[in-house]
mmCIF file of all heavy atoms, coordinates in Angstrom:
data_MODEL
# 
_entry.id   MODEL 
# 
loop_
_atom_site.group_PDB 
_atom_site.id 
_atom_site.type_symbol 
_atom_site.label_atom_id 
_atom_site.label_alt_id 
_atom_site.label_comp_id 
_atom_site.label_asym_id 
_atom_site.label_entity_id 
_atom_site.label_seq_id 
_atom_site.pdbx_PDB_ins_code 
_atom_site.Cartn_x 
_atom_site.Cartn_y 
_atom_site.Cartn_z 
_atom_site.occupancy 
_atom_site.B_iso_or_equiv 
_atom_site.pdbx_formal_charge 
_atom_site.auth_seq_id 
_atom_site.auth_comp_id 
_atom_site.auth_asym_id 
_atom_site.auth_atom_id 
_atom_site.pdbx_PDB_model_num 
ATOM 1   N N   . SER A 1 1  ? 0.854  -1.229  -0.039  1.00 0.00 ? 1  SER A N   1 
ATOM 2   C CA  . SER A 1 1  ? 0.009  0.023   0.015   1.00 0.00 ? 1  SER A CA  1 
ATOM 3   C C   . SER A 1 1  ? 0.821  1.308   0.015   1.00 0.00 ? 1  SER A C   1 
ATOM 4   O O   . SER A 1 1  ? 0.455  2.389   -0.414  1.00 0.00 ? 1  SER A O   1 
ATOM 5   C CB  . SER A 1 1  ? -0.872 0.000   1.193   1.00 0.00 ? 1  SER A CB  1 
ATOM 6   O OG  . SER A 1 1  ? -0.160 -0.046  2.419   1.00 0.00 ? 1  SER A OG  1 
ATOM 7   N N   . ALA A 1 2  ? 2.131  1.156   0.439   1.00 0.00 ? 2  ALA A N   1 
ATOM 8   C CA  . ALA A 1 2  ? 2.997  2.376   0.501   1.00 0.00 ? 2  ALA A CA  1 
ATOM 9   C C   . ALA A 1 2  ? 3.507  2.684   -0.958  1.00 0.00 ? 2  ALA A C   1 
ATOM 10  O O   . ALA A 1 2  ? 4.182  3.649   -1.085  1.00 0.00 ? 2  ALA A O   1 
ATOM 11  C CB  . ALA A 1 2  ? 4.110  2.172   1.445   1.00 0.00 ? 2  ALA A CB  1 
ATOM 12  N N   . ASN A 1 3  ? 3.321  1.781   -1.856  1.00 0.00 ? 3  ASN A N   1 
ATOM 13  C CA  . ASN A 1 3  ? 3.996  1.795   -3.210  1.00 0.00 ? 3  ASN A CA  1 
ATOM 14  C C   . ASN A 1 3  ? 2.875  2.109   -4.207  1.00 0.00 ? 3  ASN A C   1 
ATOM 15  O O   . ASN A 1 3  ? 1.652  1.852   -4.015  1.00 0.00 ? 3  ASN A O   1 
ATOM 16  C CB  . ASN A 1 3  ? 4.725  0.504   -3.557  1.00 0.00 ? 3  ASN A CB  1 
ATOM 17  C CG  . ASN A 1 3  ? 5.487  0.519   -4.844  1.00 0.00 ? 3  ASN A CG  1 
ATOM 18  O OD1 . ASN A 1 3  ? 4.927  -0.025  -5.810  1.00 0.00 ? 3  ASN A OD1 1 
ATOM 19  N ND2 . ASN A 1 3  ? 6.629  1.098   -4.803  1.00 0.00 ? 3  ASN A ND2 1 
ATOM 20  N N   . PHE A 1 4  ? 3.240  2.633   -5.347  1.00 0.00 ? 4  PHE A N   1 
ATOM 21  C CA  . PHE A 1 4  ? 2.279  2.914   -6.413  1.00 0.00 ? 4  PHE A CA  1 
ATOM 22  C C   . PHE A 1 4  ? 1.512  1.660   -6.813  1.00 0.00 ? 4  PHE A C   1 
ATOM 23  O O   . PHE A 1 4  ? 0.260  1.777   -7.136  1.00 0.00 ? 4  PHE A O   1 
ATOM 24  C CB  . PHE A 1 4  ? 3.004  3.500   -7.717  1.00 0.00 ? 4  PHE A CB  1 
ATOM 25  C CG  . PHE A 1 4  ? 3.642  2.404   -8.571  1.00 0.00 ? 4  PHE A CG  1 
ATOM 26  C CD1 . PHE A 1 4  ? 2.947  1.772   -9.531  1.00 0.00 ? 4  PHE A CD1 1 
ATOM 27  C CD2 . PHE A 1 4  ? 4.904  1.862   -8.204  1.00 0.00 ? 4  PHE A CD2 1 
ATOM 28  C CE1 . PHE A 1 4  ? 3.516  0.822   -10.397 1.00 0.00 ? 4  PHE A CE1 1 
ATOM 29  C CE2 . PHE A 1 4  ? 5.538  0.943   -9.011  1.00 0.00 ? 4  PHE A CE2 1 
ATOM 30  C CZ  . PHE A 1 4  ? 4.814  0.387   -10.016 1.00 0.00 ? 4  PHE A CZ  1 
ATOM 31  N N   . SER A 1 5  ? 2.104  0.521   -6.684  1.00 0.00 ? 5  SER A N   1 
ATOM 32  C CA  . SER A 1 5  ? 1.449  -0.694  -7.192  1.00 0.00 ? 5  SER A CA  1 
ATOM 33  C C   . SER A 1 5  ? 0.276  -1.037  -6.290  1.00 0.00 ? 5  SER A C   1 
ATOM 34  O O   . SER A 1 5  ? -0.719 -1.642  -6.752  1.00 0.00 ? 5  SER A O   1 
ATOM 35  C CB  . SER A 1 5  ? 2.489  -1.876  -7.154  1.00 0.00 ? 5  SER A CB  1 
ATOM 36  O OG  . SER A 1 5  ? 3.115  -1.962  -5.915  1.00 0.00 ? 5  SER A OG  1 
ATOM 37  N N   . GLY A 1 6  ? 0.402  -0.742  -4.970  1.00 0.00 ? 6  GLY A N   1 
ATOM 38  C CA  . GLY A 1 6  ? -0.687 -0.974  -4.129  1.00 0.00 ? 6  GLY A CA  1 
ATOM 39  C C   . GLY A 1 6  ? -1.837 0.069   -4.222  1.00 0.00 ? 6  GLY A C   1 
ATOM 40  O O   . GLY A 1 6  ? -2.922 -0.219  -3.704  1.00 0.00 ? 6  GLY A O   1 
ATOM 41  N N   . ASN A 1 7  ? -1.537 1.147   -4.704  1.00 0.00 ? 7  ASN A N   1 
ATOM 42  C CA  . ASN A 1 7  ? -2.465 2.216   -4.987  1.00 0.00 ? 7  ASN A CA  1 
ATOM 43  C C   . ASN A 1 7  ? -3.258 2.118   -6.256  1.00 0.00 ? 7  ASN A C   1 
ATOM 44  O O   . ASN A 1 7  ? -4.426 2.439   -6.379  1.00 0.00 ? 7  ASN A O   1 
ATOM 45  C CB  . ASN A 1 7  ? -1.903 3.584   -4.846  1.00 0.00 ? 7  ASN A CB  1 
ATOM 46  C CG  . ASN A 1 7  ? -1.409 3.924   -3.370  1.00 0.00 ? 7  ASN A CG  1 
ATOM 47  O OD1 . ASN A 1 7  ? -2.324 4.045   -2.576  1.00 0.00 ? 7  ASN A OD1 1 
ATOM 48  N ND2 . ASN A 1 7  ? -0.139 4.145   -3.246  1.00 0.00 ? 7  ASN A ND2 1 
ATOM 49  N N   . LEU A 1 8  ? -2.569 1.656   -7.278  1.00 0.00 ? 8  LEU A N   1 
ATOM 50  C CA  . LEU A 1 8  ? -3.155 1.532   -8.623  1.00 0.00 ? 8  LEU A CA  1 
ATOM 51  C C   . LEU A 1 8  ? -3.925 0.308   -8.888  1.00 0.00 ? 8  LEU A C   1 
ATOM 52  O O   . LEU A 1 8  ? -4.881 0.271   -9.703  1.00 0.00 ? 8  LEU A O   1 
ATOM 53  C CB  . LEU A 1 8  ? -2.082 1.680   -9.753  1.00 0.00 ? 8  LEU A CB  1 
ATOM 54  C CG  . LEU A 1 8  ? -1.473 3.030   -10.034 1.00 0.00 ? 8  LEU A CG  1 
ATOM 55  C CD1 . LEU A 1 8  ? -0.449 2.867   -11.139 1.00 0.00 ? 8  LEU A CD1 1 
ATOM 56  C CD2 . LEU A 1 8  ? -2.584 4.058   -10.295 1.00 0.00 ? 8  LEU A CD2 1 
ATOM 57  N N   . TYR A 1 9  ? -3.542 -0.838  -8.108  1.00 0.00 ? 9  TYR A N   1 
ATOM 58  C CA  . TYR A 1 9  ? -4.161 -2.054  -8.368  1.00 0.00 ? 9  TYR A CA  1 
ATOM 59  C C   . TYR A 1 9  ? -4.847 -2.747  -7.166  1.00 0.00 ? 9  TYR A C   1 
ATOM 60  O O   . TYR A 1 9  ? -4.548 -2.266  -6.093  1.00 0.00 ? 9  TYR A O   1 
ATOM 61  C CB  . TYR A 1 9  ? -3.124 -2.965  -8.978  1.00 0.00 ? 9  TYR A CB  1 
ATOM 62  C CG  . TYR A 1 9  ? -2.348 -2.433  -10.190 1.00 0.00 ? 9  TYR A CG  1 
ATOM 63  C CD1 . TYR A 1 9  ? -1.083 -1.904  -10.086 1.00 0.00 ? 9  TYR A CD1 1 
ATOM 64  C CD2 . TYR A 1 9  ? -2.953 -2.296  -11.425 1.00 0.00 ? 9  TYR A CD2 1 
ATOM 65  C CE1 . TYR A 1 9  ? -0.402 -1.373  -11.120 1.00 0.00 ? 9  TYR A CE1 1 
ATOM 66  C CE2 . TYR A 1 9  ? -2.350 -1.711  -12.517 1.00 0.00 ? 9  TYR A CE2 1 
ATOM 67  C CZ  . TYR A 1 9  ? -1.033 -1.279  -12.343 1.00 0.00 ? 9  TYR A CZ  1 
ATOM 68  O OH  . TYR A 1 9  ? -0.471 -0.637  -13.368 1.00 0.00 ? 9  TYR A OH  1 
ATOM 69  N N   . ASP A 1 10 ? -5.702 -3.701  -7.421  1.00 0.00 ? 10 ASP A N   1 
ATOM 70  C CA  . ASP A 1 10 ? -6.390 -4.362  -6.355  1.00 0.00 ? 10 ASP A CA  1 
ATOM 71  C C   . ASP A 1 10 ? -5.596 -5.549  -6.054  1.00 0.00 ? 10 ASP A C   1 
ATOM 72  O O   . ASP A 1 10 ? -5.426 -6.542  -6.850  1.00 0.00 ? 10 ASP A O   1 
ATOM 73  C CB  . ASP A 1 10 ? -7.852 -4.818  -6.820  1.00 0.00 ? 10 ASP A CB  1 
ATOM 74  C CG  . ASP A 1 10 ? -8.571 -5.562  -5.861  1.00 0.00 ? 10 ASP A CG  1 
ATOM 75  O OD1 . ASP A 1 10 ? -8.130 -5.618  -4.720  1.00 0.00 ? 10 ASP A OD1 1 
ATOM 76  O OD2 . ASP A 1 10 ? -9.664 -6.111  -6.214  1.00 0.00 ? 10 ASP A OD2 1 
ATOM 77  N N   . VAL A 1 11 ? -4.920 -5.584  -4.913  1.00 0.00 ? 11 VAL A N   1 
ATOM 78  C CA  . VAL A 1 11 ? -3.916 -6.588  -4.578  1.00 0.00 ? 11 VAL A CA  1 
ATOM 79  C C   . VAL A 1 11 ? -4.251 -7.420  -3.447  1.00 0.00 ? 11 VAL A C   1 
ATOM 80  O O   . VAL A 1 11 ? -4.743 -6.974  -2.409  1.00 0.00 ? 11 VAL A O   1 
ATOM 81  C CB  . VAL A 1 11 ? -2.495 -5.824  -4.243  1.00 0.00 ? 11 VAL A CB  1 
ATOM 82  C CG1 . VAL A 1 11 ? -1.512 -6.900  -3.937  1.00 0.00 ? 11 VAL A CG1 1 
ATOM 83  C CG2 . VAL A 1 11 ? -2.063 -4.972  -5.364  1.00 0.00 ? 11 VAL A CG2 1 
ATOM 84  N N   . GLU A 1 12 ? -4.147 -8.679  -3.610  1.00 0.00 ? 12 GLU A N   1 
ATOM 85  C CA  . GLU A 1 12 ? -4.168 -9.686  -2.450  1.00 0.00 ? 12 GLU A CA  1 
ATOM 86  C C   . GLU A 1 12 ? -2.843 -10.403 -2.459  1.00 0.00 ? 12 GLU A C   1 
ATOM 87  O O   . GLU A 1 12 ? -2.140 -10.493 -3.475  1.00 0.00 ? 12 GLU A O   1 
ATOM 88  C CB  . GLU A 1 12 ? -5.367 -10.652 -2.572  1.00 0.00 ? 12 GLU A CB  1 
ATOM 89  C CG  . GLU A 1 12 ? -6.721 -9.952  -2.333  1.00 0.00 ? 12 GLU A CG  1 
ATOM 90  C CD  . GLU A 1 12 ? -7.903 -10.917 -2.187  1.00 0.00 ? 12 GLU A CD  1 
ATOM 91  O OE1 . GLU A 1 12 ? -7.630 -12.125 -2.151  1.00 0.00 ? 12 GLU A OE1 1 
ATOM 92  O OE2 . GLU A 1 12 ? -9.017 -10.479 -2.196  1.00 0.00 ? 12 GLU A OE2 1 
ATOM 93  N N   . GLN A 1 13 ? -2.534 -10.980 -1.291  1.00 0.00 ? 13 GLN A N   1 
ATOM 94  C CA  . GLN A 1 13 ? -1.177 -11.503 -1.141  1.00 0.00 ? 13 GLN A CA  1 
ATOM 95  C C   . GLN A 1 13 ? -1.228 -12.924 -0.488  1.00 0.00 ? 13 GLN A C   1 
ATOM 96  O O   . GLN A 1 13 ? -2.021 -13.189 0.351   1.00 0.00 ? 13 GLN A O   1 
ATOM 97  C CB  . GLN A 1 13 ? -0.368 -10.609 -0.362  1.00 0.00 ? 13 GLN A CB  1 
ATOM 98  C CG  . GLN A 1 13 ? -0.196 -9.193  -1.032  1.00 0.00 ? 13 GLN A CG  1 
ATOM 99  C CD  . GLN A 1 13 ? 0.944  -8.343  -0.586  1.00 0.00 ? 13 GLN A CD  1 
ATOM 100 O OE1 . GLN A 1 13 ? 0.958  -8.025  0.690   1.00 0.00 ? 13 GLN A OE1 1 
ATOM 101 N NE2 . GLN A 1 13 ? 1.800  -7.940  -1.372  1.00 0.00 ? 13 GLN A NE2 1 
ATOM 102 N N   . TYR A 1 14 ? -0.387 -13.777 -0.948  1.00 0.00 ? 14 TYR A N   1 
ATOM 103 C CA  . TYR A 1 14 ? -0.198 -15.020 -0.359  1.00 0.00 ? 14 TYR A CA  1 
ATOM 104 C C   . TYR A 1 14 ? 0.968  -15.037 0.642   1.00 0.00 ? 14 TYR A C   1 
ATOM 105 O O   . TYR A 1 14 ? 1.744  -14.058 0.643   1.00 0.00 ? 14 TYR A O   1 
ATOM 106 C CB  . TYR A 1 14 ? 0.060  -16.146 -1.521  1.00 0.00 ? 14 TYR A CB  1 
ATOM 107 C CG  . TYR A 1 14 ? 1.182  -15.938 -2.453  1.00 0.00 ? 14 TYR A CG  1 
ATOM 108 C CD1 . TYR A 1 14 ? 2.446  -16.416 -2.211  1.00 0.00 ? 14 TYR A CD1 1 
ATOM 109 C CD2 . TYR A 1 14 ? 0.979  -15.191 -3.673  1.00 0.00 ? 14 TYR A CD2 1 
ATOM 110 C CE1 . TYR A 1 14 ? 3.463  -16.235 -3.212  1.00 0.00 ? 14 TYR A CE1 1 
ATOM 111 C CE2 . TYR A 1 14 ? 1.962  -14.974 -4.555  1.00 0.00 ? 14 TYR A CE2 1 
ATOM 112 C CZ  . TYR A 1 14 ? 3.268  -15.529 -4.353  1.00 0.00 ? 14 TYR A CZ  1 
ATOM 113 O OH  . TYR A 1 14 ? 4.230  -15.306 -5.251  1.00 0.00 ? 14 TYR A OH  1 
ATOM 114 N N   . GLU A 1 15 ? 1.050  -16.053 1.420   1.00 0.00 ? 15 GLU A N   1 
ATOM 115 C CA  . GLU A 1 15 ? 2.108  -16.089 2.594   1.00 0.00 ? 15 GLU A CA  1 
ATOM 116 C C   . GLU A 1 15 ? 2.743  -17.369 2.564   1.00 0.00 ? 15 GLU A C   1 
ATOM 117 O O   . GLU A 1 15 ? 2.372  -18.410 1.940   1.00 0.00 ? 15 GLU A O   1 
ATOM 118 C CB  . GLU A 1 15 ? 1.349  -15.792 3.887   1.00 0.00 ? 15 GLU A CB  1 
ATOM 119 C CG  . GLU A 1 15 ? 0.592  -14.415 3.896   1.00 0.00 ? 15 GLU A CG  1 
ATOM 120 C CD  . GLU A 1 15 ? -0.041 -14.239 5.257   1.00 0.00 ? 15 GLU A CD  1 
ATOM 121 O OE1 . GLU A 1 15 ? -0.179 -15.143 6.055   1.00 0.00 ? 15 GLU A OE1 1 
ATOM 122 O OE2 . GLU A 1 15 ? -0.390 -13.042 5.499   1.00 0.00 ? 15 GLU A OE2 1 
ATOM 123 N N   . VAL A 1 16 ? 3.872  -17.415 3.402   1.00 0.00 ? 16 VAL A N   1 
ATOM 124 C CA  . VAL A 1 16 ? 4.491  -18.664 3.665   1.00 0.00 ? 16 VAL A CA  1 
ATOM 125 C C   . VAL A 1 16 ? 3.783  -19.423 4.776   1.00 0.00 ? 16 VAL A C   1 
ATOM 126 O O   . VAL A 1 16 ? 3.042  -18.812 5.673   1.00 0.00 ? 16 VAL A O   1 
ATOM 127 C CB  . VAL A 1 16 ? 6.022  -18.447 4.002   1.00 0.00 ? 16 VAL A CB  1 
ATOM 128 C CG1 . VAL A 1 16 ? 6.744  -17.757 2.875   1.00 0.00 ? 16 VAL A CG1 1 
ATOM 129 C CG2 . VAL A 1 16 ? 6.151  -17.740 5.343   1.00 0.00 ? 16 VAL A CG2 1 
ATOM 130 N N   . GLU A 1 17 ? 3.984  -20.661 4.939   1.00 0.00 ? 17 GLU A N   1 
ATOM 131 C CA  . GLU A 1 17 ? 3.432  -21.444 5.991   1.00 0.00 ? 17 GLU A CA  1 
ATOM 132 C C   . GLU A 1 17 ? 4.083  -21.135 7.246   1.00 0.00 ? 17 GLU A C   1 
ATOM 133 O O   . GLU A 1 17 ? 5.378  -21.021 7.413   1.00 0.00 ? 17 GLU A O   1 
ATOM 134 C CB  . GLU A 1 17 ? 3.583  -22.970 5.817   1.00 0.00 ? 17 GLU A CB  1 
ATOM 135 C CG  . GLU A 1 17 ? 2.774  -23.498 4.640   1.00 0.00 ? 17 GLU A CG  1 
ATOM 136 C CD  . GLU A 1 17 ? 2.903  -24.952 4.523   1.00 0.00 ? 17 GLU A CD  1 
ATOM 137 O OE1 . GLU A 1 17 ? 4.090  -25.452 4.105   1.00 0.00 ? 17 GLU A OE1 1 
ATOM 138 O OE2 . GLU A 1 17 ? 1.948  -25.744 4.774   1.00 0.00 ? 17 GLU A OE2 1 
ATOM 139 N N   . ALA A 1 18 ? 3.318  -20.895 8.305   1.00 0.00 ? 18 ALA A N   1 
ATOM 140 C CA  . ALA A 1 18 ? 3.838  -20.465 9.627   1.00 0.00 ? 18 ALA A CA  1 
ATOM 141 C C   . ALA A 1 18 ? 4.831  -21.474 10.233  1.00 0.00 ? 18 ALA A C   1 
ATOM 142 O O   . ALA A 1 18 ? 5.825  -21.066 10.839  1.00 0.00 ? 18 ALA A O   1 
ATOM 143 C CB  . ALA A 1 18 ? 2.793  -20.169 10.584  1.00 0.00 ? 18 ALA A CB  1 
ATOM 144 N N   . ASP A 1 19 ? 4.634  -22.745 10.015  1.00 0.00 ? 19 ASP A N   1 
ATOM 145 C CA  . ASP A 1 19 ? 5.438  -23.650 10.743  1.00 0.00 ? 19 ASP A CA  1 
ATOM 146 C C   . ASP A 1 19 ? 6.711  -24.097 9.962   1.00 0.00 ? 19 ASP A C   1 
ATOM 147 O O   . ASP A 1 19 ? 7.608  -24.603 10.494  1.00 0.00 ? 19 ASP A O   1 
ATOM 148 C CB  . ASP A 1 19 ? 4.613  -24.957 11.023  1.00 0.00 ? 19 ASP A CB  1 
ATOM 149 C CG  . ASP A 1 19 ? 3.961  -25.559 9.837   1.00 0.00 ? 19 ASP A CG  1 
ATOM 150 O OD1 . ASP A 1 19 ? 3.718  -24.889 8.787   1.00 0.00 ? 19 ASP A OD1 1 
ATOM 151 O OD2 . ASP A 1 19 ? 3.714  -26.796 9.887   1.00 0.00 ? 19 ASP A OD2 1 
ATOM 152 N N   . THR A 1 20 ? 6.660  -23.880 8.568   1.00 0.00 ? 20 THR A N   1 
ATOM 153 C CA  . THR A 1 20 ? 7.807  -24.320 7.816   1.00 0.00 ? 20 THR A CA  1 
ATOM 154 C C   . THR A 1 20 ? 8.564  -23.140 7.238   1.00 0.00 ? 20 THR A C   1 
ATOM 155 O O   . THR A 1 20 ? 9.696  -23.282 6.789   1.00 0.00 ? 20 THR A O   1 
ATOM 156 C CB  . THR A 1 20 ? 7.370  -25.205 6.625   1.00 0.00 ? 20 THR A CB  1 
ATOM 157 O OG1 . THR A 1 20 ? 6.521  -24.468 5.666   1.00 0.00 ? 20 THR A OG1 1 
ATOM 158 C CG2 . THR A 1 20 ? 6.591  -26.365 7.166   1.00 0.00 ? 20 THR A CG2 1 
ATOM 159 N N   . GLY A 1 21 ? 7.930  -21.980 6.962   1.00 0.00 ? 21 GLY A N   1 
ATOM 160 C CA  . GLY A 1 21 ? 8.632  -20.888 6.258   1.00 0.00 ? 21 GLY A CA  1 
ATOM 161 C C   . GLY A 1 21 ? 8.673  -21.029 4.837   1.00 0.00 ? 21 GLY A C   1 
ATOM 162 O O   . GLY A 1 21 ? 9.278  -20.204 4.072   1.00 0.00 ? 21 GLY A O   1 
ATOM 163 N N   . TYR A 1 22 ? 8.015  -22.060 4.274   1.00 0.00 ? 22 TYR A N   1 
ATOM 164 C CA  . TYR A 1 22 ? 7.890  -22.362 2.846   1.00 0.00 ? 22 TYR A CA  1 
ATOM 165 C C   . TYR A 1 22 ? 6.576  -21.908 2.230   1.00 0.00 ? 22 TYR A C   1 
ATOM 166 O O   . TYR A 1 22 ? 5.532  -21.909 2.892   1.00 0.00 ? 22 TYR A O   1 
ATOM 167 C CB  . TYR A 1 22 ? 8.059  -23.829 2.558   1.00 0.00 ? 22 TYR A CB  1 
ATOM 168 C CG  . TYR A 1 22 ? 9.420  -24.302 2.552   1.00 0.00 ? 22 TYR A CG  1 
ATOM 169 C CD1 . TYR A 1 22 ? 10.034 -24.627 3.733   1.00 0.00 ? 22 TYR A CD1 1 
ATOM 170 C CD2 . TYR A 1 22 ? 10.113 -24.648 1.400   1.00 0.00 ? 22 TYR A CD2 1 
ATOM 171 C CE1 . TYR A 1 22 ? 11.380 -25.191 3.864   1.00 0.00 ? 22 TYR A CE1 1 
ATOM 172 C CE2 . TYR A 1 22 ? 11.466 -25.143 1.386   1.00 0.00 ? 22 TYR A CE2 1 
ATOM 173 C CZ  . TYR A 1 22 ? 12.111 -25.428 2.611   1.00 0.00 ? 22 TYR A CZ  1 
ATOM 174 O OH  . TYR A 1 22 ? 13.289 -25.948 2.607   1.00 0.00 ? 22 TYR A OH  1 
ATOM 175 N N   . ILE A 1 23 ? 6.562  -21.520 0.995   1.00 0.00 ? 23 ILE A N   1 
ATOM 176 C CA  . ILE A 1 23 ? 5.361  -21.187 0.263   1.00 0.00 ? 23 ILE A CA  1 
ATOM 177 C C   . ILE A 1 23 ? 4.521  -22.510 0.058   1.00 0.00 ? 23 ILE A C   1 
ATOM 178 O O   . ILE A 1 23 ? 5.112  -23.554 -0.366  1.00 0.00 ? 23 ILE A O   1 
ATOM 179 C CB  . ILE A 1 23 ? 5.616  -20.567 -1.076  1.00 0.00 ? 23 ILE A CB  1 
ATOM 180 C CG1 . ILE A 1 23 ? 6.179  -19.104 -0.796  1.00 0.00 ? 23 ILE A CG1 1 
ATOM 181 C CG2 . ILE A 1 23 ? 4.265  -20.433 -1.917  1.00 0.00 ? 23 ILE A CG2 1 
ATOM 182 C CD1 . ILE A 1 23 ? 6.772  -18.509 -2.063  1.00 0.00 ? 23 ILE A CD1 1 
ATOM 183 N N   . ASP A 1 24 ? 3.288  -22.565 0.306   1.00 0.00 ? 24 ASP A N   1 
ATOM 184 C CA  . ASP A 1 24 ? 2.373  -23.604 0.045   1.00 0.00 ? 24 ASP A CA  1 
ATOM 185 C C   . ASP A 1 24 ? 1.744  -23.341 -1.352  1.00 0.00 ? 24 ASP A C   1 
ATOM 186 O O   . ASP A 1 24 ? 0.804  -22.510 -1.482  1.00 0.00 ? 24 ASP A O   1 
ATOM 187 C CB  . ASP A 1 24 ? 1.242  -23.694 1.178   1.00 0.00 ? 24 ASP A CB  1 
ATOM 188 C CG  . ASP A 1 24 ? 0.399  -24.884 0.841   1.00 0.00 ? 24 ASP A CG  1 
ATOM 189 O OD1 . ASP A 1 24 ? 0.298  -25.447 -0.277  1.00 0.00 ? 24 ASP A OD1 1 
ATOM 190 O OD2 . ASP A 1 24 ? -0.413 -25.291 1.863   1.00 0.00 ? 24 ASP A OD2 1 
# 
């Protein structure tokens, strides 16, 4: 949201797994 990309576009974000630190 602090960047132009978060202001111009509708953004959702994925996360890493809490227990492994890897992307699921």
